[in-house]
Amino acid sequence: MSKTVGANTLKQAIWIYGKTNITIIGEKGTILDGANSALIGIRVTSSPIDNTATSGVTIAGFEIRNFVYGIYLIKANNNQLDNNTISNVQGGINLIASNDNDIVNYPVPRAQGVLTIL
C-alpha cells in the first residue's frame, strides 16, 4: 500500500525552530512529497527529515537549508531520495547503517559533508 503525504500544499516555506523535525513513522511505500517546498531552519541542531528504521520510503521535492544535517537515514533501507536541494548545512544526506538507497537528481550542495555514509 502506498501512502502519499503532501508536506505543504500551499507551496510556501515551512519554518522549523529548535528541535522540531519531520520524523517518518510509517510503512513501506510512504511518499513524503515536498512539492518543491522549502524547509528552513532557525537555530536548529538537528535534521528536518529523520527516517529511522522505515524502509521503502520516497522523500522528494524539498529545498532544505539552515540545518546541521539535511536528511538523516538510520537503519532505513531501499528508500528513494529524489529531487531534494540541500544547502547551508554541515552534512547534506547522512546514511547510517542504511543500504540500497537511491539518491536521484541531487544537486551537490555547498556543505561541509555532502554525503556521509557510516
PDB file of N, CA and C in Angstrom:
ATOM      1  N   MET A   1       0.842  -1.168   0.000  1.00  0.00           N
ATOM      2  CA  MET A   1       0.000   0.000   0.000  1.00  0.00           C
ATOM      3  C   MET A   1       0.887   1.231   0.000  1.00  0.00           C
ATOM      4  N   SER A   2       0.582   2.180  -0.868  1.00  0.00           N
ATOM      5  CA  SER A   2       1.351   3.411  -0.957  1.00  0.00           C
ATOM      6  C   SER A   2       0.554   4.554  -0.359  1.00  0.00           C
ATOM      7  N   LYS A   3       1.232   5.360   0.420  1.00  0.00           N
ATOM      8  CA  LYS A   3       0.572   6.475   1.083  1.00  0.00           C
ATOM      9  C   LYS A   3       1.355   7.736   0.775  1.00  0.00           C
ATOM     10  N   THR A   4       0.711   8.744   0.190  1.00  0.00           N
ATOM     11  CA  THR A   4       1.374   9.993  -0.144  1.00  0.00           C
ATOM     12  C   THR A   4       1.053  11.030   0.910  1.00  0.00           C
ATOM     13  N   VAL A   5       2.096  11.665   1.412  1.00  0.00           N
ATOM     14  CA  VAL A   5       1.935  12.722   2.396  1.00  0.00           C
ATOM     15  C   VAL A   5       2.432  14.007   1.766  1.00  0.00           C
ATOM     16  N   GLY A   6       1.551  14.960   1.527  1.00  0.00           N
ATOM     17  CA  GLY A   6       1.934  16.260   0.977  1.00  0.00           C
ATOM     18  C   GLY A   6       2.376  17.153   2.115  1.00  0.00           C
ATOM     19  N   ALA A   7       3.620  17.586   2.092  1.00  0.00           N
ATOM     20  CA  ALA A   7       4.144  18.371   3.205  1.00  0.00           C
ATOM     21  C   ALA A   7       3.563  19.768   3.250  1.00  0.00           C
ATOM     22  N   ASN A   8       3.240  20.311   2.098  1.00  0.00           N
ATOM     23  CA  ASN A   8       2.801  21.698   2.095  1.00  0.00           C
ATOM     24  C   ASN A   8       2.092  21.984   0.776  1.00  0.00           C
ATOM     25  N   THR A   9       0.797  21.916   0.771  1.00  0.00           N
ATOM     26  CA  THR A   9       0.075  22.091  -0.482  1.00  0.00           C
ATOM     27  C   THR A   9       0.049  23.545  -0.946  1.00  0.00           C
ATOM     28  N   LEU A  10       0.365  24.491  -0.060  1.00  0.00           N
ATOM     29  CA  LEU A  10       0.382  25.901  -0.451  1.00  0.00           C
ATOM     30  C   LEU A  10       1.686  26.311  -1.116  1.00  0.00           C
ATOM     31  N   LYS A  11       2.660  25.428  -1.132  1.00  0.00           N
ATOM     32  CA  LYS A  11       3.970  25.674  -1.720  1.00  0.00           C
ATOM     33  C   LYS A  11       4.649  26.891  -1.119  1.00  0.00           C
ATOM     34  N   GLN A  12       4.491  27.059   0.169  1.00  0.00           N
ATOM     35  CA  GLN A  12       5.173  28.121   0.886  1.00  0.00           C
ATOM     36  C   GLN A  12       6.265  27.495   1.734  1.00  0.00           C
ATOM     37  N   ALA A  13       7.139  28.331   2.244  1.00  0.00           N
ATOM     38  CA  ALA A  13       8.212  27.832   3.097  1.00  0.00           C
ATOM     39  C   ALA A  13       7.651  27.348   4.427  1.00  0.00           C
ATOM     40  N   ILE A  14       8.244  26.295   4.939  1.00  0.00           N
ATOM     41  CA  ILE A  14       7.919  25.790   6.271  1.00  0.00           C
ATOM     42  C   ILE A  14       9.114  26.127   7.147  1.00  0.00           C
ATOM     43  N   TRP A  15       8.899  26.956   8.166  1.00  0.00           N
ATOM     44  CA  TRP A  15       9.977  27.363   9.065  1.00  0.00           C
ATOM     45  C   TRP A  15       9.997  26.404  10.246  1.00  0.00           C
ATOM     46  N   ILE A  16      11.170  25.870  10.559  1.00  0.00           N
ATOM     47  CA  ILE A  16      11.303  24.905  11.639  1.00  0.00           C
ATOM     48  C   ILE A  16      12.237  25.488  12.695  1.00  0.00           C
ATOM     49  N   TYR A  17      11.753  25.547  13.932  1.00  0.00           N
ATOM     50  CA  TYR A  17      12.506  26.133  15.033  1.00  0.00           C
ATOM     51  C   TYR A  17      12.965  25.065  16.006  1.00  0.00           C
ATOM     52  N   GLY A  18      14.123  25.295  16.622  1.00  0.00           N
ATOM     53  CA  GLY A  18      14.602  24.421  17.692  1.00  0.00           C
ATOM     54  C   GLY A  18      14.814  22.990  17.252  1.00  0.00           C
ATOM     55  N   LYS A  19      14.254  22.035  17.969  1.00  0.00           N
ATOM     56  CA  LYS A  19      14.484  20.616  17.705  1.00  0.00           C
ATOM     57  C   LYS A  19      13.335  19.947  16.956  1.00  0.00           C
ATOM     58  N   THR A  20      12.429  20.712  16.413  1.00  0.00           N
ATOM     59  CA  THR A  20      11.298  20.154  15.677  1.00  0.00           C
ATOM     60  C   THR A  20      11.783  19.580  14.346  1.00  0.00           C
ATOM     61  N   ASN A  21      11.228  18.446  13.931  1.00  0.00           N
ATOM     62  CA  ASN A  21      11.553  17.906  12.620  1.00  0.00           C
ATOM     63  C   ASN A  21      10.414  17.016  12.130  1.00  0.00           C
ATOM     64  N   ILE A  22      10.541  16.559  10.889  1.00  0.00           N
ATOM     65  CA  ILE A  22       9.594  15.606  10.323  1.00  0.00           C
ATOM     66  C   ILE A  22      10.195  14.230  10.552  1.00  0.00           C
ATOM     67  N   THR A  23       9.586  13.464  11.438  1.00  0.00           N
ATOM     68  CA  THR A  23      10.054  12.114  11.714  1.00  0.00           C
ATOM     69  C   THR A  23       9.139  11.146  10.983  1.00  0.00           C
ATOM     70  N   ILE A  24       9.741  10.291  10.198  1.00  0.00           N
ATOM     71  CA  ILE A  24       8.942   9.347   9.424  1.00  0.00           C
ATOM     72  C   ILE A  24       8.644   8.130  10.300  1.00  0.00           C
ATOM     73  N   ILE A  25       7.381   8.000  10.623  1.00  0.00           N
ATOM     74  CA  ILE A  25       6.895   6.821  11.332  1.00  0.00           C
ATOM     75  C   ILE A  25       5.846   6.245  10.408  1.00  0.00           C
ATOM     76  N   GLY A  26       6.215   5.269   9.657  1.00  0.00           N
ATOM     77  CA  GLY A  26       5.269   4.841   8.645  1.00  0.00           C
ATOM     78  C   GLY A  26       5.503   3.433   8.192  1.00  0.00           C
ATOM     79  N   GLU A  27       5.128   3.230   6.982  1.00  0.00           N
ATOM     80  CA  GLU A  27       5.171   1.905   6.412  1.00  0.00           C
ATOM     81  C   GLU A  27       5.826   1.985   5.049  1.00  0.00           C
ATOM     82  N   LYS A  28       6.226   0.853   4.577  1.00  0.00           N
ATOM     83  CA  LYS A  28       6.817   0.761   3.257  1.00  0.00           C
ATOM     84  C   LYS A  28       5.854   1.357   2.233  1.00  0.00           C
ATOM     85  N   GLY A  29       6.377   2.147   1.331  1.00  0.00           N
ATOM     86  CA  GLY A  29       5.555   2.743   0.289  1.00  0.00           C
ATOM     87  C   GLY A  29       5.102   4.156   0.608  1.00  0.00           C
ATOM     88  N   THR A  30       5.456   4.691   1.779  1.00  0.00           N
ATOM     89  CA  THR A  30       5.087   6.064   2.115  1.00  0.00           C
ATOM     90  C   THR A  30       5.865   7.031   1.231  1.00  0.00           C
ATOM     91  N   ILE A  31       5.178   8.034   0.702  1.00  0.00           N
ATOM     92  CA  ILE A  31       5.801   9.062  -0.123  1.00  0.00           C
ATOM     93  C   ILE A  31       5.655  10.395   0.590  1.00  0.00           C
ATOM     94  N   LEU A  32       6.779  10.994   0.947  1.00  0.00           N
ATOM     95  CA  LEU A  32       6.791  12.323   1.551  1.00  0.00           C
ATOM     96  C   LEU A  32       7.132  13.300   0.438  1.00  0.00           C
ATOM     97  N   ASP A  33       6.113  13.961  -0.103  1.00  0.00           N
ATOM     98  CA  ASP A  33       6.267  14.828  -1.264  1.00  0.00           C
ATOM     99  C   ASP A  33       6.253  16.285  -0.827  1.00  0.00           C
ATOM    100  N   GLY A  34       7.407  16.944  -0.925  1.00  0.00           N
ATOM    101  CA  GLY A  34       7.523  18.337  -0.530  1.00  0.00           C
ATOM    102  C   GLY A  34       6.939  19.311  -1.527  1.00  0.00           C
ATOM    103  N   ALA A  35       6.625  18.844  -2.735  1.00  0.00           N
ATOM    104  CA  ALA A  35       6.049  19.700  -3.790  1.00  0.00           C
ATOM    105  C   ALA A  35       6.864  20.987  -3.946  1.00  0.00           C
ATOM    106  N   ASN A  36       8.203  20.852  -3.892  1.00  0.00           N
ATOM    107  CA  ASN A  36       9.137  21.969  -4.033  1.00  0.00           C
ATOM    108  C   ASN A  36       9.008  23.003  -2.929  1.00  0.00           C
ATOM    109  N   SER A  37       8.583  22.583  -1.747  1.00  0.00           N
ATOM    110  CA  SER A  37       8.508  23.477  -0.588  1.00  0.00           C
ATOM    111  C   SER A  37       9.875  23.591   0.068  1.00  0.00           C
ATOM    112  N   ALA A  38      10.093  24.716   0.729  1.00  0.00           N
ATOM    113  CA  ALA A  38      11.345  24.930   1.447  1.00  0.00           C
ATOM    114  C   ALA A  38      11.166  24.611   2.920  1.00  0.00           C
ATOM    115  N   LEU A  39      12.111  23.879   3.478  1.00  0.00           N
ATOM    116  CA  LEU A  39      12.199  23.663   4.919  1.00  0.00           C
ATOM    117  C   LEU A  39      13.386  24.504   5.382  1.00  0.00           C
ATOM    118  N   ILE A  40      13.120  25.532   6.168  1.00  0.00           N
ATOM    119  CA  ILE A  40      14.159  26.482   6.561  1.00  0.00           C
ATOM    120  C   ILE A  40      14.328  26.430   8.068  1.00  0.00           C
ATOM    121  N   GLY A  41      15.540  26.180   8.510  1.00  0.00           N
ATOM    122  CA  GLY A  41      15.801  26.056   9.939  1.00  0.00           C
ATOM    123  C   GLY A  41      16.220  27.360  10.584  1.00  0.00           C
ATOM    124  N   ILE A  42      15.791  27.543  11.821  1.00  0.00           N
ATOM    125  CA  ILE A  42      16.206  28.694  12.632  1.00  0.00           C
ATOM    126  C   ILE A  42      16.691  28.142  13.969  1.00  0.00           C
ATOM    127  N   ARG A  43      17.982  28.290  14.241  1.00  0.00           N
ATOM    128  CA  ARG A  43      18.570  27.773  15.486  1.00  0.00           C
ATOM    129  C   ARG A  43      18.266  26.285  15.680  1.00  0.00           C
ATOM    130  N   VAL A  44      18.432  25.519  14.629  1.00  0.00           N
ATOM    131  CA  VAL A  44      18.113  24.091  14.670  1.00  0.00           C
ATOM    132  C   VAL A  44      19.408  23.298  14.794  1.00  0.00           C
ATOM    133  N   THR A  45      19.411  22.316  15.668  1.00  0.00           N
ATOM    134  CA  THR A  45      20.607  21.495  15.876  1.00  0.00           C
ATOM    135  C   THR A  45      20.410  20.070  15.377  1.00  0.00           C
ATOM    136  N   SER A  46      19.444  19.866  14.522  1.00  0.00           N
ATOM    137  CA  SER A  46      19.172  18.516  14.040  1.00  0.00           C
ATOM    138  C   SER A  46      18.906  18.545  12.540  1.00  0.00           C
ATOM    139  N   SER A  47      18.206  17.551  12.071  1.00  0.00           N
ATOM    140  CA  SER A  47      17.835  17.408  10.666  1.00  0.00           C
ATOM    141  C   SER A  47      16.339  17.647  10.524  1.00  0.00           C
ATOM    142  N   PRO A  48      15.887  18.277   9.433  1.00  0.00           N
ATOM    143  CA  PRO A  48      14.452  18.476   9.275  1.00  0.00           C
ATOM    144  C   PRO A  48      13.699  17.194   8.934  1.00  0.00           C
ATOM    145  N   ILE A  49      14.391  16.236   8.299  1.00  0.00           N
ATOM    146  CA  ILE A  49      13.737  14.973   7.932  1.00  0.00           C
ATOM    147  C   ILE A  49      14.562  13.826   8.501  1.00  0.00           C
ATOM    148  N   ASP A  50      13.935  13.016   9.325  1.00  0.00           N
ATOM    149  CA  ASP A  50      14.595  11.910  10.021  1.00  0.00           C
ATOM    150  C   ASP A  50      13.829  10.623   9.732  1.00  0.00           C
ATOM    151  N   ASN A  51      14.506   9.693   9.095  1.00  0.00           N
ATOM    152  CA  ASN A  51      13.906   8.388   8.836  1.00  0.00           C
ATOM    153  C   ASN A  51      14.727   7.332   9.559  1.00  0.00           C
ATOM    154  N   THR A  52      14.194   6.846  10.660  1.00  0.00           N
ATOM    155  CA  THR A  52      14.854   5.800  11.425  1.00  0.00           C
ATOM    156  C   THR A  52      14.069   4.503  11.283  1.00  0.00           C
ATOM    157  N   ALA A  53      14.679   3.541  10.609  1.00  0.00           N
ATOM    158  CA  ALA A  53      14.169   2.167  10.517  1.00  0.00           C
ATOM    159  C   ALA A  53      12.869   2.008   9.726  1.00  0.00           C
ATOM    160  N   THR A  54      12.540   2.941   8.856  1.00  0.00           N
ATOM    161  CA  THR A  54      11.403   2.738   7.959  1.00  0.00           C
ATOM    162  C   THR A  54      11.954   2.619   6.544  1.00  0.00           C
ATOM    163  N   SER A  55      11.762   1.471   5.940  1.00  0.00           N
ATOM    164  CA  SER A  55      12.302   1.210   4.605  1.00  0.00           C
ATOM    165  C   SER A  55      11.237   1.379   3.542  1.00  0.00           C
ATOM    166  N   GLY A  56      11.692   1.614   2.302  1.00  0.00           N
ATOM    167  CA  GLY A  56      10.778   1.735   1.175  1.00  0.00           C
ATOM    168  C   GLY A  56      10.033   3.061   1.128  1.00  0.00           C
ATOM    169  N   VAL A  57      10.663   4.127   1.616  1.00  0.00           N
ATOM    170  CA  VAL A  57      10.042   5.450   1.663  1.00  0.00           C
ATOM    171  C   VAL A  57      10.627   6.319   0.554  1.00  0.00           C
ATOM    172  N   THR A  58       9.803   7.173  -0.054  1.00  0.00           N
ATOM    173  CA  THR A  58      10.273   8.168  -1.014  1.00  0.00           C
ATOM    174  C   THR A  58      10.193   9.541  -0.363  1.00  0.00           C
ATOM    175  N   ILE A  59      11.310  10.266  -0.397  1.00  0.00           N
ATOM    176  CA  ILE A  59      11.374  11.647   0.094  1.00  0.00           C
ATOM    177  C   ILE A  59      11.746  12.496  -1.104  1.00  0.00           C
ATOM    178  N   ALA A  60      10.829  13.360  -1.528  1.00  0.00           N
ATOM    179  CA  ALA A  60      11.046  14.072  -2.785  1.00  0.00           C
ATOM    180  C   ALA A  60      10.586  15.527  -2.714  1.00  0.00           C
ATOM    181  N   GLY A  61      11.272  16.361  -3.502  1.00  0.00           N
ATOM    182  CA  GLY A  61      10.804  17.712  -3.762  1.00  0.00           C
ATOM    183  C   GLY A  61      10.972  18.719  -2.641  1.00  0.00           C
ATOM    184  N   PHE A  62      12.017  18.594  -1.824  1.00  0.00           N
ATOM    185  CA  PHE A  62      12.246  19.551  -0.747  1.00  0.00           C
ATOM    186  C   PHE A  62      13.456  20.424  -1.048  1.00  0.00           C
ATOM    187  N   GLU A  63      13.371  21.673  -0.655  1.00  0.00           N
ATOM    188  CA  GLU A  63      14.531  22.552  -0.582  1.00  0.00           C
ATOM    189  C   GLU A  63      14.817  22.693   0.911  1.00  0.00           C
ATOM    190  N   ILE A  64      15.974  22.214   1.347  1.00  0.00           N
ATOM    191  CA  ILE A  64      16.313  22.178   2.766  1.00  0.00           C
ATOM    192  C   ILE A  64      17.514  23.082   2.998  1.00  0.00           C
ATOM    193  N   ARG A  65      17.388  24.014   3.968  1.00  0.00           N
ATOM    194  CA  ARG A  65      18.528  24.892   4.266  1.00  0.00           C
ATOM    195  C   ARG A  65      18.542  25.328   5.722  1.00  0.00           C
ATOM    196  N   ASN A  66      19.744  25.654   6.168  1.00  0.00           N
ATOM    197  CA  ASN A  66      19.998  26.185   7.513  1.00  0.00           C
ATOM    198  C   ASN A  66      19.775  25.150   8.622  1.00  0.00           C
ATOM    199  N   PHE A  67      20.250  23.950   8.417  1.00  0.00           N
ATOM    200  CA  PHE A  67      20.178  22.903   9.432  1.00  0.00           C
ATOM    201  C   PHE A  67      21.583  22.340   9.657  1.00  0.00           C
ATOM    202  N   VAL A  68      21.743  21.540  10.696  1.00  0.00           N
ATOM    203  CA  VAL A  68      23.009  20.840  10.878  1.00  0.00           C
ATOM    204  C   VAL A  68      23.126  19.756   9.805  1.00  0.00           C
ATOM    205  N   TYR A  69      22.057  18.970   9.622  1.00  0.00           N
ATOM    206  CA  TYR A  69      22.015  17.934   8.598  1.00  0.00           C
ATOM    207  C   TYR A  69      20.783  18.144   7.728  1.00  0.00           C
ATOM    208  N   GLY A  70      20.842  17.671   6.506  1.00  0.00           N
ATOM    209  CA  GLY A  70      19.697  17.802   5.611  1.00  0.00           C
ATOM    210  C   GLY A  70      18.689  16.679   5.793  1.00  0.00           C
ATOM    211  N   ILE A  71      19.060  15.474   5.381  1.00  0.00           N
ATOM    212  CA  ILE A  71      18.197  14.299   5.504  1.00  0.00           C
ATOM    213  C   ILE A  71      18.993  13.217   6.222  1.00  0.00           C
ATOM    214  N   TYR A  72      18.370  12.603   7.204  1.00  0.00           N
ATOM    215  CA  TYR A  72      19.024  11.613   8.051  1.00  0.00           C
ATOM    216  C   TYR A  72      18.317  10.270   7.895  1.00  0.00           C
ATOM    217  N   LEU A  73      19.056   9.242   7.470  1.00  0.00           N
ATOM    218  CA  LEU A  73      18.513   7.889   7.388  1.00  0.00           C
ATOM    219  C   LEU A  73      19.328   6.982   8.299  1.00  0.00           C
ATOM    220  N   ILE A  74      18.656   6.347   9.261  1.00  0.00           N
ATOM    221  CA  ILE A  74      19.316   5.427  10.181  1.00  0.00           C
ATOM    222  C   ILE A  74      18.602   4.075  10.104  1.00  0.00           C
ATOM    223  N   LYS A  75      19.340   3.035   9.752  1.00  0.00           N
ATOM    224  CA  LYS A  75      18.779   1.683   9.619  1.00  0.00           C
ATOM    225  C   LYS A  75      17.541   1.692   8.726  1.00  0.00           C
ATOM    226  N   ALA A  76      17.609   2.469   7.657  1.00  0.00           N
ATOM    227  CA  ALA A  76      16.493   2.605   6.720  1.00  0.00           C
ATOM    228  C   ALA A  76      16.997   2.200   5.335  1.00  0.00           C
ATOM    229  N   ASN A  77      16.440   1.144   4.785  1.00  0.00           N
ATOM    230  CA  ASN A  77      16.913   0.574   3.530  1.00  0.00           C
ATOM    231  C   ASN A  77      15.899   0.759   2.403  1.00  0.00           C
ATOM    232  N   ASN A  78      16.411   0.702   1.173  1.00  0.00           N
ATOM    233  CA  ASN A  78      15.569   0.718  -0.027  1.00  0.00           C
ATOM    234  C   ASN A  78      14.657   1.947  -0.095  1.00  0.00           C
ATOM    235  N   ASN A  79      15.199   3.100   0.228  1.00  0.00           N
ATOM    236  CA  ASN A  79      14.452   4.352   0.128  1.00  0.00           C
ATOM    237  C   ASN A  79      14.888   5.102  -1.118  1.00  0.00           C
ATOM    238  N   GLN A  80      14.074   6.041  -1.546  1.00  0.00           N
ATOM    239  CA  GLN A  80      14.437   6.881  -2.679  1.00  0.00           C
ATOM    240  C   GLN A  80      14.378   8.344  -2.263  1.00  0.00           C
ATOM    241  N   LEU A  81      15.489   9.041  -2.475  1.00  0.00           N
ATOM    242  CA  LEU A  81      15.566  10.479  -2.246  1.00  0.00           C
ATOM    243  C   LEU A  81      15.646  11.118  -3.624  1.00  0.00           C
ATOM    244  N   ASP A  82      14.624  11.868  -3.986  1.00  0.00           N
ATOM    245  CA  ASP A  82      14.517  12.359  -5.360  1.00  0.00           C
ATOM    246  C   ASP A  82      14.272  13.863  -5.386  1.00  0.00           C
ATOM    247  N   ASN A  83      15.117  14.563  -6.126  1.00  0.00           N
ATOM    248  CA  ASN A  83      14.930  15.988  -6.406  1.00  0.00           C
ATOM    249  C   ASN A  83      14.846  16.842  -5.137  1.00  0.00           C
ATOM    250  N   ASN A  84      15.769  16.595  -4.204  1.00  0.00           N
ATOM    251  CA  ASN A  84      15.867  17.405  -2.993  1.00  0.00           C
ATOM    252  C   ASN A  84      17.095  18.303  -3.121  1.00  0.00           C
ATOM    253  N   THR A  85      16.945  19.563  -2.797  1.00  0.00           N
ATOM    254  CA  THR A  85      18.050  20.513  -2.817  1.00  0.00           C
ATOM    255  C   THR A  85      18.399  20.857  -1.375  1.00  0.00           C
ATOM    256  N   ILE A  86      19.657  20.699  -1.028  1.00  0.00           N
ATOM    257  CA  ILE A  86      20.088  20.917   0.352  1.00  0.00           C
ATOM    258  C   ILE A  86      21.244  21.905   0.348  1.00  0.00           C
ATOM    259  N   SER A  87      21.122  22.970   1.173  1.00  0.00           N
ATOM    260  CA  SER A  87      22.180  23.975   1.220  1.00  0.00           C
ATOM    261  C   SER A  87      22.316  24.556   2.619  1.00  0.00           C
ATOM    262  N   ASN A  88      23.471  25.161   2.851  1.00  0.00           N
ATOM    263  CA  ASN A  88      23.782  25.810   4.121  1.00  0.00           C
ATOM    264  C   ASN A  88      23.595  24.855   5.304  1.00  0.00           C
ATOM    265  N   VAL A  89      24.187  23.673   5.183  1.00  0.00           N
ATOM    266  CA  VAL A  89      24.141  22.655   6.232  1.00  0.00           C
ATOM    267  C   VAL A  89      25.559  22.127   6.464  1.00  0.00           C
ATOM    268  N   GLN A  90      25.779  21.467   7.590  1.00  0.00           N
ATOM    269  CA  GLN A  90      27.077  20.833   7.828  1.00  0.00           C
ATOM    270  C   GLN A  90      27.171  19.492   7.120  1.00  0.00           C
ATOM    271  N   GLY A  91      26.057  18.784   7.017  1.00  0.00           N
ATOM    272  CA  GLY A  91      26.026  17.495   6.342  1.00  0.00           C
ATOM    273  C   GLY A  91      24.764  17.380   5.521  1.00  0.00           C
ATOM    274  N   GLY A  92      24.879  17.096   4.231  1.00  0.00           N
ATOM    275  CA  GLY A  92      23.716  17.046   3.347  1.00  0.00           C
ATOM    276  C   GLY A  92      22.810  15.859   3.603  1.00  0.00           C
ATOM    277  N   ILE A  93      23.235  14.671   3.168  1.00  0.00           N
ATOM    278  CA  ILE A  93      22.476  13.441   3.382  1.00  0.00           C
ATOM    279  C   ILE A  93      23.346  12.508   4.221  1.00  0.00           C
ATOM    280  N   ASN A  94      22.787  12.010   5.314  1.00  0.00           N
ATOM    281  CA  ASN A  94      23.521  11.118   6.211  1.00  0.00           C
ATOM    282  C   ASN A  94      22.875   9.746   6.197  1.00  0.00           C
ATOM    283  N   LEU A  95      23.638   8.741   5.791  1.00  0.00           N
ATOM    284  CA  LEU A  95      23.172   7.355   5.770  1.00  0.00           C
ATOM    285  C   LEU A  95      23.948   6.579   6.816  1.00  0.00           C
ATOM    286  N   ILE A  96      23.256   6.104   7.841  1.00  0.00           N
ATOM    287  CA  ILE A  96      23.899   5.349   8.902  1.00  0.00           C
ATOM    288  C   ILE A  96      23.263   3.961   8.949  1.00  0.00           C
ATOM    289  N   ALA A  97      24.066   2.937   8.704  1.00  0.00           N
ATOM    290  CA  ALA A  97      23.598   1.554   8.679  1.00  0.00           C
ATOM    291  C   ALA A  97      22.381   1.404   7.763  1.00  0.00           C
ATOM    292  N   SER A  98      22.425   2.078   6.623  1.00  0.00           N
ATOM    293  CA  SER A  98      21.326   2.058   5.650  1.00  0.00           C
ATOM    294  C   SER A  98      21.865   1.577   4.314  1.00  0.00           C
ATOM    295  N   ASN A  99      21.157   0.638   3.688  1.00  0.00           N
ATOM    296  CA  ASN A  99      21.623   0.025   2.447  1.00  0.00           C
ATOM    297  C   ASN A  99      20.625   0.212   1.314  1.00  0.00           C
ATOM    298  N   ASP A 100      21.149   0.171   0.088  1.00  0.00           N
ATOM    299  CA  ASP A 100      20.333   0.143  -1.131  1.00  0.00           C
ATOM    300  C   ASP A 100      19.373   1.325  -1.243  1.00  0.00           C
ATOM    301  N   ASN A 101      19.838   2.509  -0.904  1.00  0.00           N
ATOM    302  CA  ASN A 101      19.035   3.717  -1.056  1.00  0.00           C
ATOM    303  C   ASN A 101      19.415   4.400  -2.361  1.00  0.00           C
ATOM    304  N   ASP A 102      18.425   4.912  -3.091  1.00  0.00           N
ATOM    305  CA  ASP A 102      18.661   5.619  -4.345  1.00  0.00           C
ATOM    306  C   ASP A 102      18.596   7.116  -4.102  1.00  0.00           C
ATOM    307  N   ILE A 103      19.637   7.816  -4.557  1.00  0.00           N
ATOM    308  CA  ILE A 103      19.677   9.278  -4.462  1.00  0.00           C
ATOM    309  C   ILE A 103      19.691   9.795  -5.890  1.00  0.00           C
ATOM    310  N   VAL A 104      18.601  10.478  -6.281  1.00  0.00           N
ATOM    311  CA  VAL A 104      18.393  10.879  -7.668  1.00  0.00           C
ATOM    312  C   VAL A 104      18.197  12.392  -7.740  1.00  0.00           C
ATOM    313  N   ASN A 105      18.735  13.018  -8.781  1.00  0.00           N
ATOM    314  CA  ASN A 105      18.566  14.459  -9.007  1.00  0.00           C
ATOM    315  C   ASN A 105      18.940  15.265  -7.770  1.00  0.00           C
ATOM    316  N   TYR A 106      20.138  15.028  -7.271  1.00  0.00           N
ATOM    317  CA  TYR A 106      20.615  15.687  -6.056  1.00  0.00           C
ATOM    318  C   TYR A 106      21.734  16.640  -6.429  1.00  0.00           C
ATOM    319  N   PRO A 107      21.412  17.945  -6.544  1.00  0.00           N
ATOM    320  CA  PRO A 107      22.487  18.897  -6.836  1.00  0.00           C
ATOM    321  C   PRO A 107      23.466  18.944  -5.669  1.00  0.00           C
ATOM    322  N   VAL A 108      24.740  18.900  -5.953  1.00  0.00           N
ATOM    323  CA  VAL A 108      25.740  18.883  -4.891  1.00  0.00           C
ATOM    324  C   VAL A 108      25.701  20.207  -4.134  1.00  0.00           C
ATOM    325  N   PRO A 109      25.450  20.140  -2.819  1.00  0.00           N
ATOM    326  CA  PRO A 109      25.307  21.374  -2.040  1.00  0.00           C
ATOM    327  C   PRO A 109      26.654  21.950  -1.616  1.00  0.00           C
ATOM    328  N   ARG A 110      26.593  23.172  -1.161  1.00  0.00           N
ATOM    329  CA  ARG A 110      27.758  23.760  -0.505  1.00  0.00           C
ATOM    330  C   ARG A 110      27.624  23.429   0.972  1.00  0.00           C
ATOM    331  N   ALA A 111      28.270  22.368   1.364  1.00  0.00           N
ATOM    332  CA  ALA A 111      28.170  21.888   2.742  1.00  0.00           C
ATOM    333  C   ALA A 111      29.508  21.285   3.137  1.00  0.00           C
ATOM    334  N   GLN A 112      29.728  21.149   4.412  1.00  0.00           N
ATOM    335  CA  GLN A 112      30.967  20.540   4.878  1.00  0.00           C
ATOM    336  C   GLN A 112      30.993  19.071   4.517  1.00  0.00           C
ATOM    337  N   GLY A 113      29.894  18.378   4.700  1.00  0.00           N
ATOM    338  CA  GLY A 113      29.808  16.961   4.354  1.00  0.00           C
ATOM    339  C   GLY A 113      28.637  16.751   3.424  1.00  0.00           C
ATOM    340  N   VAL A 114      28.884  16.560   2.149  1.00  0.00           N
ATOM    341  CA  VAL A 114      27.804  16.432   1.174  1.00  0.00           C
ATOM    342  C   VAL A 114      27.033  15.134   1.372  1.00  0.00           C
ATOM    343  N   LEU A 115      27.752  14.028   1.542  1.00  0.00           N
ATOM    344  CA  LEU A 115      27.118  12.720   1.720  1.00  0.00           C
ATOM    345  C   LEU A 115      27.966  11.945   2.725  1.00  0.00           C
ATOM    346  N   THR A 116      27.346  11.555   3.826  1.00  0.00           N
ATOM    347  CA  THR A 116      28.044  10.806   4.859  1.00  0.00           C
ATOM    348  C   THR A 116      27.446   9.415   4.932  1.00  0.00           C
ATOM    349  N   ILE A 117      28.298   8.395   4.824  1.00  0.00           N
ATOM    350  CA  ILE A 117      27.827   7.013   4.909  1.00  0.00           C
ATOM    351  C   ILE A 117      28.609   6.334   6.029  1.00  0.00           C
ATOM    352  N   LEU A 118      27.886   5.875   7.041  1.00  0.00           N
ATOM    353  CA  LEU A 118      28.528   5.172   8.167  1.00  0.00           C
ATOM    354  C   LEU A 118      27.942   3.778   8.302  1.00  0.00           C
TER     355      LEU A 118
END
